[in-house]
Amino acid sequence: MRWYLLHDRATVFVDNDDWYLLVHTTCKHLQDDYRCGIYETRPQICRDYTTDECEFEDDWCYEKYFETPEQLDEYADALFGPQFPDPDLDECHALRSRRSTALPIA
């Protein structure tokens, strides 16, 4: 999810405990009259797409809405504790133990 948020014009939201990716872009083949410029040769994903379950409301209110990876990190830290403990913090005061080092391969 964090990877998605590193891309321009992408957000992640939660609605009814389901997570969604929202990409705020238009197709590069969309013409000025809103018709597909490659309709006859469009990809299968476009052929399969339907708006049957789209909701056309303008008063969206999401349970959770993330626009940046930092927001997602803050949310995860609030749920699970800091992902990367402060190196200046005494280990007995950390919420999580440090990640173990990998075992050597023999």
C-alpha atoms as a PDB file:
ATOM      1  CA  MET A   1       0.000   0.000   0.000  1.00  0.00           C
ATOM      2  CA  ARG A   2       2.822   2.342   0.862  1.00  0.00           C
ATOM      3  CA  TRP A   3       4.207   1.743  -2.634  1.00  0.00           C
ATOM      4  CA  TYR A   4       0.953   2.987  -4.203  1.00  0.00           C
ATOM      5  CA  LEU A   5       1.091   6.181  -2.173  1.00  0.00           C
ATOM      6  CA  LEU A   6       4.577   6.924  -3.451  1.00  0.00           C
ATOM      7  CA  HIS A   7       3.012   7.494  -6.886  1.00  0.00           C
ATOM      8  CA  ASP A   8       1.596  10.813  -7.981  1.00  0.00           C
ATOM      9  CA  ARG A   9      -2.167  11.268  -7.679  1.00  0.00           C
ATOM     10  CA  ALA A  10      -2.984   8.034  -5.829  1.00  0.00           C
ATOM     11  CA  THR A  11      -4.789   7.660  -2.509  1.00  0.00           C
ATOM     12  CA  VAL A  12      -5.906   4.740  -0.346  1.00  0.00           C
ATOM     13  CA  PHE A  13      -9.136   4.681   1.619  1.00  0.00           C
ATOM     14  CA  VAL A  14     -11.142   2.327   3.823  1.00  0.00           C
ATOM     15  CA  ASP A  15     -14.888   1.907   3.540  1.00  0.00           C
ATOM     16  CA  ASN A  16     -16.780  -0.770   5.496  1.00  0.00           C
ATOM     17  CA  ASP A  17     -13.453  -2.379   6.493  1.00  0.00           C
ATOM     18  CA  ASP A  18     -12.451  -2.870   2.830  1.00  0.00           C
ATOM     19  CA  TRP A  19      -9.316  -1.143   1.522  1.00  0.00           C
ATOM     20  CA  TYR A  20      -9.374   0.591  -1.870  1.00  0.00           C
ATOM     21  CA  LEU A  21      -6.891   2.278  -4.184  1.00  0.00           C
ATOM     22  CA  LEU A  22      -8.100   5.458  -5.853  1.00  0.00           C
ATOM     23  CA  VAL A  23      -6.099   6.714  -8.837  1.00  0.00           C
ATOM     24  CA  HIS A  24      -6.886  10.354  -9.646  1.00  0.00           C
ATOM     25  CA  THR A  25      -5.920  10.309 -13.317  1.00  0.00           C
ATOM     26  CA  THR A  26      -7.603  10.027 -16.661  1.00  0.00           C
ATOM     27  CA  CYS A  27      -6.663   7.646 -19.428  1.00  0.00           C
ATOM     28  CA  LYS A  28      -4.172   9.056 -21.925  1.00  0.00           C
ATOM     29  CA  HIS A  29      -6.428   7.785 -24.722  1.00  0.00           C
ATOM     30  CA  LEU A  30      -9.511   9.690 -23.524  1.00  0.00           C
ATOM     31  CA  GLN A  31     -10.472  12.211 -26.198  1.00  0.00           C
ATOM     32  CA  ASP A  32     -11.847  15.718 -25.668  1.00  0.00           C
ATOM     33  CA  ASP A  33     -15.382  14.401 -26.248  1.00  0.00           C
ATOM     34  CA  TYR A  34     -14.792  11.744 -23.509  1.00  0.00           C
ATOM     35  CA  ARG A  35     -14.739   8.877 -25.979  1.00  0.00           C
ATOM     36  CA  CYS A  36     -11.993   6.269 -26.119  1.00  0.00           C
ATOM     37  CA  GLY A  37      -9.398   7.018 -28.785  1.00  0.00           C
ATOM     38  CA  ILE A  38      -8.425   3.338 -29.114  1.00  0.00           C
ATOM     39  CA  TYR A  39     -11.851   1.782 -28.611  1.00  0.00           C
ATOM     40  CA  GLU A  40     -11.447  -0.974 -31.222  1.00  0.00           C
ATOM     41  CA  THR A  41      -8.033  -2.046 -29.853  1.00  0.00           C
ATOM     42  CA  ARG A  42      -8.518  -1.192 -26.161  1.00  0.00           C
ATOM     43  CA  PRO A  43      -6.977  -3.570 -23.584  1.00  0.00           C
ATOM     44  CA  GLN A  44      -9.015  -6.367 -22.008  1.00  0.00           C
ATOM     45  CA  ILE A  45      -9.134  -4.584 -18.644  1.00  0.00           C
ATOM     46  CA  CYS A  46     -10.998  -1.734 -20.362  1.00  0.00           C
ATOM     47  CA  ARG A  47     -13.325  -4.170 -22.123  1.00  0.00           C
ATOM     48  CA  ASP A  48     -14.187  -5.828 -18.796  1.00  0.00           C
ATOM     49  CA  TYR A  49     -14.685  -2.562 -16.885  1.00  0.00           C
ATOM     50  CA  THR A  50     -18.241  -1.663 -15.924  1.00  0.00           C
ATOM     51  CA  THR A  51     -19.792   1.199 -13.987  1.00  0.00           C
ATOM     52  CA  ASP A  52     -22.649  -0.986 -12.701  1.00  0.00           C
ATOM     53  CA  GLU A  53     -21.434  -0.756  -9.097  1.00  0.00           C
ATOM     54  CA  CYS A  54     -20.085   2.805  -9.198  1.00  0.00           C
ATOM     55  CA  GLU A  55     -21.521   5.238  -6.708  1.00  0.00           C
ATOM     56  CA  PHE A  56     -21.984   8.750  -8.030  1.00  0.00           C
ATOM     57  CA  GLU A  57     -22.159  10.666  -4.768  1.00  0.00           C
ATOM     58  CA  ASP A  58     -20.261  13.836  -4.075  1.00  0.00           C
ATOM     59  CA  ASP A  59     -20.361  13.717  -0.279  1.00  0.00           C
ATOM     60  CA  TRP A  60     -17.742  11.028   0.332  1.00  0.00           C
ATOM     61  CA  CYS A  61     -16.822  10.336   3.902  1.00  0.00           C
ATOM     62  CA  TYR A  62     -14.292   7.539   4.398  1.00  0.00           C
ATOM     63  CA  GLU A  63     -13.427   5.683   7.584  1.00  0.00           C
ATOM     64  CA  LYS A  64      -9.744   6.196   6.768  1.00  0.00           C
ATOM     65  CA  TYR A  65      -8.151   8.182   3.942  1.00  0.00           C
ATOM     66  CA  PHE A  66      -4.414   8.265   3.169  1.00  0.00           C
ATOM     67  CA  GLU A  67      -2.745  10.586   0.674  1.00  0.00           C
ATOM     68  CA  THR A  68       0.896  10.085   1.636  1.00  0.00           C
ATOM     69  CA  PRO A  69       3.100   7.192   2.793  1.00  0.00           C
ATOM     70  CA  GLU A  70       3.829   9.180   5.953  1.00  0.00           C
ATOM     71  CA  GLN A  71       0.130   9.193   6.870  1.00  0.00           C
ATOM     72  CA  LEU A  72       0.016   5.437   6.447  1.00  0.00           C
ATOM     73  CA  ASP A  73       3.172   5.080   8.572  1.00  0.00           C
ATOM     74  CA  GLU A  74       1.623   7.204  11.347  1.00  0.00           C
ATOM     75  CA  TYR A  75      -1.517   5.051  11.259  1.00  0.00           C
ATOM     76  CA  ALA A  76       0.530   1.825  11.471  1.00  0.00           C
ATOM     77  CA  ASP A  77       2.633   3.269  14.311  1.00  0.00           C
ATOM     78  CA  ALA A  78      -0.547   4.173  16.204  1.00  0.00           C
ATOM     79  CA  LEU A  79      -1.883   0.623  15.782  1.00  0.00           C
ATOM     80  CA  PHE A  80       1.282  -1.420  16.220  1.00  0.00           C
ATOM     81  CA  GLY A  81       3.814   0.893  17.814  1.00  0.00           C
ATOM     82  CA  PRO A  82       6.782   2.483  16.087  1.00  0.00           C
ATOM     83  CA  GLN A  83       8.086   0.398  13.219  1.00  0.00           C
ATOM     84  CA  PHE A  84      11.638   1.587  13.712  1.00  0.00           C
ATOM     85  CA  PRO A  85      12.508   2.179  17.375  1.00  0.00           C
ATOM     86  CA  ASP A  86      14.414   5.319  18.284  1.00  0.00           C
ATOM     87  CA  PRO A  87      18.100   4.285  18.517  1.00  0.00           C
ATOM     88  CA  ASP A  88      18.564   6.744  21.415  1.00  0.00           C
ATOM     89  CA  LEU A  89      15.749   5.111  23.413  1.00  0.00           C
ATOM     90  CA  ASP A  90      16.731   2.486  25.966  1.00  0.00           C
ATOM     91  CA  GLU A  91      15.496  -0.938  24.766  1.00  0.00           C
ATOM     92  CA  CYS A  92      13.502  -1.517  27.948  1.00  0.00           C
ATOM     93  CA  HIS A  93      11.369   1.530  27.029  1.00  0.00           C
ATOM     94  CA  ALA A  94      10.675   0.439  23.436  1.00  0.00           C
ATOM     95  CA  LEU A  95       7.278  -1.028  22.532  1.00  0.00           C
ATOM     96  CA  ARG A  96       8.795  -3.593  20.164  1.00  0.00           C
ATOM     97  CA  SER A  97      11.981  -5.529  20.271  1.00  0.00           C
ATOM     98  CA  ARG A  98      14.433  -4.960  17.459  1.00  0.00           C
ATOM     99  CA  ARG A  99      14.126  -7.106  14.357  1.00  0.00           C
ATOM    100  CA  SER A 100      16.393 -10.117  14.592  1.00  0.00           C
ATOM    101  CA  THR A 101      19.321 -10.384  12.223  1.00  0.00           C
ATOM    102  CA  ALA A 102      19.199 -13.006   9.510  1.00  0.00           C
ATOM    103  CA  LEU A 103      20.686 -16.399  10.229  1.00  0.00           C
ATOM    104  CA  PRO A 104      23.804 -17.268   8.277  1.00  0.00           C
ATOM    105  CA  ILE A 105      23.338 -19.681   5.394  1.00  0.00           C
ATOM    106  CA  ALA A 106      25.685 -22.650   5.676  1.00  0.00           C
END
